[in-house]
Amino acid sequence: MIVDRKEKRAQAVDFAFEKPRIFRTRNDPGTIDLLAWNAVAEAIEQGNNVVLVDGEEDLLTLVAISVAPESSIVAYGQPEEGIIVVRTTAEKKAEIRRIVDGMKRE
């Protein structure tokens, strides 16, 4: 689970996390911070954890798809649309890799 406790950039209803571990990270809007990438990767590798993001979690969905085992399901909310569900196939991972590789590095 990756959350930033925001909905449409406004504060969302707060809720408790009943997970073995909470990873805390920072991620600025429109970016994928390396520390955030690592937090998501470790949380997924260990399983059943939450990544609490100070900033914005939107692009971390790309990380989740990229690092999750094949045949995993990644679900995320799309404002005004609902829930989007992605199965992590080799083809989807390659598509995500092309997107990430095309991003500006700083």
N, C-alpha and C. Protein backbone atom coordinates (compact mmCIF):
# COMPACT_ATOMS: atom_id res chain seq x y z
N MET A 1 0.85 -1.16 0.00
CA MET A 1 0.00 0.00 0.00
C MET A 1 0.90 1.23 0.00
N ILE A 2 0.62 2.17 -0.91
CA ILE A 2 1.36 3.42 -0.98
C ILE A 2 0.34 4.55 -0.81
N VAL A 3 0.54 5.40 0.19
CA VAL A 3 -0.41 6.47 0.45
C VAL A 3 0.31 7.78 0.74
N ASP A 4 -0.36 8.87 0.37
CA ASP A 4 0.14 10.20 0.73
C ASP A 4 -0.86 10.97 1.58
N ARG A 5 -1.96 10.31 1.91
CA ARG A 5 -3.02 10.90 2.72
C ARG A 5 -3.61 12.16 2.10
N LYS A 6 -3.64 12.16 0.77
CA LYS A 6 -4.25 13.27 0.05
C LYS A 6 -5.18 12.72 -1.02
N GLU A 7 -6.17 13.51 -1.36
CA GLU A 7 -7.10 13.18 -2.43
C GLU A 7 -7.29 14.44 -3.25
N LYS A 8 -6.90 14.37 -4.52
CA LYS A 8 -6.92 15.55 -5.39
C LYS A 8 -6.14 16.69 -4.74
N ARG A 9 -5.01 16.35 -4.16
CA ARG A 9 -4.08 17.27 -3.52
C ARG A 9 -4.60 17.95 -2.26
N ALA A 10 -5.77 17.54 -1.79
CA ALA A 10 -6.32 18.04 -0.52
C ALA A 10 -6.20 16.94 0.51
N GLN A 11 -6.16 17.32 1.77
CA GLN A 11 -6.04 16.34 2.85
C GLN A 11 -7.20 15.36 2.80
N ALA A 12 -6.90 14.07 2.84
CA ALA A 12 -7.92 13.02 2.82
C ALA A 12 -8.29 12.62 4.24
N VAL A 13 -9.33 11.85 4.34
CA VAL A 13 -9.72 11.30 5.63
C VAL A 13 -8.59 10.41 6.15
N ASP A 14 -8.21 10.63 7.38
CA ASP A 14 -7.11 9.86 7.96
C ASP A 14 -7.61 8.49 8.41
N PHE A 15 -6.75 7.49 8.34
CA PHE A 15 -7.09 6.16 8.80
C PHE A 15 -5.84 5.48 9.33
N ALA A 16 -6.01 4.49 10.16
CA ALA A 16 -4.90 3.77 10.77
C ALA A 16 -4.40 2.68 9.83
N PHE A 17 -3.12 2.38 9.96
CA PHE A 17 -2.51 1.31 9.17
C PHE A 17 -2.25 0.12 10.07
N GLU A 18 -2.76 -1.02 9.70
CA GLU A 18 -2.50 -2.24 10.46
C GLU A 18 -1.59 -3.12 9.61
N LYS A 19 -0.36 -2.68 9.48
CA LYS A 19 0.64 -3.38 8.68
C LYS A 19 1.87 -3.62 9.55
N PRO A 20 2.65 -4.65 9.24
CA PRO A 20 3.83 -4.94 10.05
C PRO A 20 4.84 -3.79 10.07
N ARG A 21 4.96 -3.07 8.95
CA ARG A 21 5.98 -2.03 8.88
C ARG A 21 5.45 -0.87 8.05
N ILE A 22 5.79 0.34 8.49
CA ILE A 22 5.47 1.55 7.73
C ILE A 22 6.77 2.16 7.26
N PHE A 23 6.92 2.24 5.94
CA PHE A 23 8.08 2.89 5.34
C PHE A 23 7.70 4.36 5.12
N ARG A 24 8.52 5.28 5.60
CA ARG A 24 8.25 6.70 5.40
C ARG A 24 9.26 7.24 4.41
N THR A 25 8.74 8.01 3.43
CA THR A 25 9.62 8.56 2.40
C THR A 25 9.08 9.89 1.93
N ARG A 26 9.87 10.58 1.16
CA ARG A 26 9.49 11.87 0.57
C ARG A 26 9.51 11.71 -0.94
N ASN A 27 8.53 12.32 -1.61
CA ASN A 27 8.49 12.29 -3.07
C ASN A 27 7.77 13.54 -3.55
N ASP A 28 8.50 14.40 -4.25
CA ASP A 28 7.90 15.65 -4.75
C ASP A 28 6.94 15.36 -5.90
N PRO A 29 5.94 16.23 -6.10
CA PRO A 29 4.99 16.05 -7.21
C PRO A 29 5.72 15.96 -8.56
N GLY A 30 5.26 15.04 -9.40
CA GLY A 30 5.80 14.89 -10.75
C GLY A 30 7.17 14.26 -10.80
N THR A 31 7.57 13.61 -9.71
CA THR A 31 8.90 13.01 -9.66
C THR A 31 8.83 11.59 -9.11
N ILE A 32 9.96 10.88 -9.27
CA ILE A 32 10.18 9.61 -8.58
C ILE A 32 11.53 9.74 -7.90
N ASP A 33 11.51 9.98 -6.62
CA ASP A 33 12.74 10.11 -5.84
C ASP A 33 13.36 8.73 -5.66
N LEU A 34 14.68 8.65 -5.71
CA LEU A 34 15.37 7.36 -5.57
C LEU A 34 15.09 6.72 -4.21
N LEU A 35 15.03 7.52 -3.15
CA LEU A 35 14.73 6.97 -1.83
C LEU A 35 13.30 6.43 -1.78
N ALA A 36 12.38 7.12 -2.46
CA ALA A 36 11.00 6.63 -2.53
C ALA A 36 10.95 5.32 -3.33
N TRP A 37 11.68 5.26 -4.45
CA TRP A 37 11.76 4.03 -5.25
C TRP A 37 12.22 2.87 -4.35
N ASN A 38 13.29 3.12 -3.60
CA ASN A 38 13.83 2.06 -2.75
C ASN A 38 12.85 1.65 -1.65
N ALA A 39 12.13 2.61 -1.09
CA ALA A 39 11.14 2.29 -0.06
C ALA A 39 10.03 1.40 -0.63
N VAL A 40 9.55 1.74 -1.81
CA VAL A 40 8.50 0.93 -2.45
C VAL A 40 9.03 -0.46 -2.75
N ALA A 41 10.23 -0.54 -3.30
CA ALA A 41 10.82 -1.84 -3.65
C ALA A 41 10.98 -2.72 -2.41
N GLU A 42 11.47 -2.14 -1.32
CA GLU A 42 11.66 -2.93 -0.10
C GLU A 42 10.33 -3.34 0.51
N ALA A 43 9.36 -2.44 0.51
CA ALA A 43 8.04 -2.76 1.05
C ALA A 43 7.39 -3.91 0.28
N ILE A 44 7.52 -3.88 -1.04
CA ILE A 44 6.95 -4.95 -1.87
C ILE A 44 7.72 -6.25 -1.64
N GLU A 45 9.03 -6.17 -1.57
CA GLU A 45 9.84 -7.38 -1.37
C GLU A 45 9.49 -8.06 -0.04
N GLN A 46 9.31 -7.27 1.01
CA GLN A 46 8.99 -7.83 2.31
C GLN A 46 7.53 -8.26 2.40
N GLY A 47 6.65 -7.57 1.65
CA GLY A 47 5.23 -7.92 1.63
C GLY A 47 4.43 -7.37 2.80
N ASN A 48 3.16 -7.05 2.52
CA ASN A 48 2.18 -6.63 3.52
C ASN A 48 2.63 -5.42 4.33
N ASN A 49 3.15 -4.38 3.67
CA ASN A 49 3.61 -3.17 4.31
C ASN A 49 2.92 -1.96 3.70
N VAL A 50 3.17 -0.80 4.30
CA VAL A 50 2.65 0.44 3.75
C VAL A 50 3.82 1.41 3.56
N VAL A 51 3.75 2.18 2.48
CA VAL A 51 4.70 3.26 2.24
C VAL A 51 3.93 4.56 2.41
N LEU A 52 4.31 5.34 3.41
CA LEU A 52 3.66 6.61 3.70
C LEU A 52 4.52 7.71 3.09
N VAL A 53 3.95 8.43 2.13
CA VAL A 53 4.69 9.40 1.35
C VAL A 53 4.39 10.82 1.82
N ASP A 54 5.44 11.55 2.12
CA ASP A 54 5.34 12.99 2.36
C ASP A 54 5.55 13.62 0.99
N GLY A 55 4.52 14.19 0.43
CA GLY A 55 4.58 14.72 -0.93
C GLY A 55 3.48 14.08 -1.75
N GLU A 56 3.88 13.48 -2.86
CA GLU A 56 2.90 12.89 -3.78
C GLU A 56 3.29 11.48 -4.18
N GLU A 57 2.32 10.59 -4.17
CA GLU A 57 2.59 9.18 -4.48
C GLU A 57 2.23 8.78 -5.91
N ASP A 58 1.65 9.67 -6.69
CA ASP A 58 1.09 9.30 -7.99
C ASP A 58 2.03 8.47 -8.87
N LEU A 59 3.24 8.97 -9.11
CA LEU A 59 4.15 8.27 -10.02
C LEU A 59 4.78 7.02 -9.39
N LEU A 60 4.60 6.84 -8.10
CA LEU A 60 5.14 5.64 -7.46
C LEU A 60 4.40 4.39 -7.89
N THR A 61 3.26 4.56 -8.53
CA THR A 61 2.57 3.42 -9.14
C THR A 61 3.46 2.77 -10.19
N LEU A 62 4.21 3.59 -10.93
CA LEU A 62 5.13 3.05 -11.93
C LEU A 62 6.19 2.18 -11.27
N VAL A 63 6.65 2.62 -10.11
CA VAL A 63 7.64 1.83 -9.36
C VAL A 63 7.03 0.50 -8.94
N ALA A 64 5.82 0.56 -8.39
CA ALA A 64 5.16 -0.67 -7.93
C ALA A 64 5.02 -1.68 -9.06
N ILE A 65 4.61 -1.21 -10.23
CA ILE A 65 4.47 -2.11 -11.38
C ILE A 65 5.84 -2.66 -11.79
N SER A 66 6.83 -1.80 -11.76
CA SER A 66 8.17 -2.18 -12.18
C SER A 66 8.80 -3.24 -11.28
N VAL A 67 8.61 -3.11 -9.96
CA VAL A 67 9.32 -4.00 -9.04
C VAL A 67 8.49 -5.19 -8.55
N ALA A 68 7.18 -5.14 -8.70
CA ALA A 68 6.34 -6.25 -8.23
C ALA A 68 6.59 -7.50 -9.07
N PRO A 69 6.48 -8.66 -8.46
CA PRO A 69 6.64 -9.90 -9.23
C PRO A 69 5.62 -9.99 -10.36
N GLU A 70 6.00 -10.67 -11.44
CA GLU A 70 5.05 -10.87 -12.54
C GLU A 70 3.81 -11.58 -12.04
N SER A 71 2.69 -11.22 -12.63
CA SER A 71 1.35 -11.71 -12.27
C SER A 71 0.78 -11.07 -11.02
N SER A 72 1.50 -10.08 -10.45
CA SER A 72 0.94 -9.33 -9.33
C SER A 72 -0.14 -8.40 -9.86
N ILE A 73 -0.95 -7.90 -8.96
CA ILE A 73 -1.97 -6.91 -9.29
C ILE A 73 -1.60 -5.61 -8.59
N VAL A 74 -1.55 -4.53 -9.36
CA VAL A 74 -1.35 -3.19 -8.81
C VAL A 74 -2.65 -2.43 -9.07
N ALA A 75 -3.25 -1.92 -8.01
CA ALA A 75 -4.49 -1.16 -8.14
C ALA A 75 -4.26 0.24 -7.59
N TYR A 76 -4.79 1.23 -8.30
CA TYR A 76 -4.63 2.61 -7.84
C TYR A 76 -5.86 3.41 -8.22
N GLY A 77 -6.07 4.47 -7.47
CA GLY A 77 -7.22 5.33 -7.73
C GLY A 77 -6.92 6.34 -8.80
N GLN A 78 -7.86 6.52 -9.70
CA GLN A 78 -7.75 7.52 -10.77
C GLN A 78 -8.91 8.50 -10.55
N PRO A 79 -8.60 9.76 -10.16
CA PRO A 79 -9.67 10.73 -9.89
C PRO A 79 -10.68 10.81 -11.03
N GLU A 80 -11.93 10.85 -10.66
CA GLU A 80 -13.07 10.95 -11.59
C GLU A 80 -13.27 9.69 -12.43
N GLU A 81 -12.42 8.67 -12.26
CA GLU A 81 -12.52 7.44 -13.04
C GLU A 81 -12.86 6.23 -12.17
N GLY A 82 -12.18 6.12 -11.04
CA GLY A 82 -12.36 4.97 -10.17
C GLY A 82 -11.05 4.25 -9.95
N ILE A 83 -11.12 2.94 -9.80
CA ILE A 83 -9.93 2.12 -9.55
C ILE A 83 -9.42 1.56 -10.87
N ILE A 84 -8.12 1.68 -11.07
CA ILE A 84 -7.44 1.10 -12.23
C ILE A 84 -6.66 -0.13 -11.72
N VAL A 85 -6.78 -1.24 -12.43
CA VAL A 85 -6.10 -2.47 -12.04
C VAL A 85 -5.14 -2.87 -13.16
N VAL A 86 -3.89 -3.11 -12.78
CA VAL A 86 -2.84 -3.49 -13.74
C VAL A 86 -2.23 -4.82 -13.29
N ARG A 87 -2.18 -5.78 -14.20
CA ARG A 87 -1.47 -7.04 -13.92
C ARG A 87 -0.03 -6.84 -14.41
N THR A 88 0.93 -7.21 -13.57
CA THR A 88 2.34 -6.99 -13.90
C THR A 88 2.88 -8.11 -14.79
N THR A 89 2.76 -7.91 -16.07
CA THR A 89 3.31 -8.84 -17.05
C THR A 89 4.68 -8.35 -17.51
N ALA A 90 5.41 -9.19 -18.19
CA ALA A 90 6.71 -8.78 -18.75
C ALA A 90 6.52 -7.60 -19.71
N GLU A 91 5.45 -7.64 -20.50
CA GLU A 91 5.18 -6.56 -21.45
C GLU A 91 4.88 -5.25 -20.73
N LYS A 92 4.08 -5.30 -19.66
CA LYS A 92 3.74 -4.10 -18.90
C LYS A 92 4.98 -3.54 -18.21
N LYS A 93 5.80 -4.42 -17.66
CA LYS A 93 7.04 -3.98 -17.03
C LYS A 93 7.96 -3.29 -18.04
N ALA A 94 8.05 -3.83 -19.26
CA ALA A 94 8.88 -3.22 -20.30
C ALA A 94 8.33 -1.84 -20.68
N GLU A 95 7.00 -1.73 -20.76
CA GLU A 95 6.37 -0.44 -21.07
C GLU A 95 6.71 0.59 -19.98
N ILE A 96 6.61 0.18 -18.73
CA ILE A 96 6.92 1.07 -17.61
C ILE A 96 8.39 1.44 -17.63
N ARG A 97 9.25 0.48 -17.92
CA ARG A 97 10.70 0.76 -17.99
C ARG A 97 10.99 1.83 -19.05
N ARG A 98 10.31 1.76 -20.21
CA ARG A 98 10.51 2.77 -21.26
C ARG A 98 10.07 4.15 -20.77
N ILE A 99 8.97 4.20 -20.05
CA ILE A 99 8.49 5.48 -19.51
C ILE A 99 9.50 6.04 -18.51
N VAL A 100 9.94 5.22 -17.58
CA VAL A 100 10.87 5.67 -16.56
C VAL A 100 12.20 6.06 -17.20
N ASP A 101 12.69 5.27 -18.14
CA ASP A 101 13.95 5.59 -18.81
C ASP A 101 13.87 6.91 -19.57
N GLY A 102 12.69 7.29 -20.01
CA GLY A 102 12.50 8.54 -20.74
C GLY A 102 12.37 9.77 -19.85
N MET A 103 12.32 9.57 -18.54
CA MET A 103 12.18 10.69 -17.62
C MET A 103 13.51 11.42 -17.45
N LYS A 104 13.41 12.71 -17.20
CA LYS A 104 14.59 13.53 -16.95
C LYS A 104 15.21 13.14 -15.62
N ARG A 105 16.52 13.00 -15.59
CA ARG A 105 17.24 12.64 -14.36
C ARG A 105 17.88 13.90 -13.76
N GLU A 106 17.77 14.01 -12.45
CA GLU A 106 18.42 15.14 -11.76
C GLU A 106 19.21 14.65 -10.59
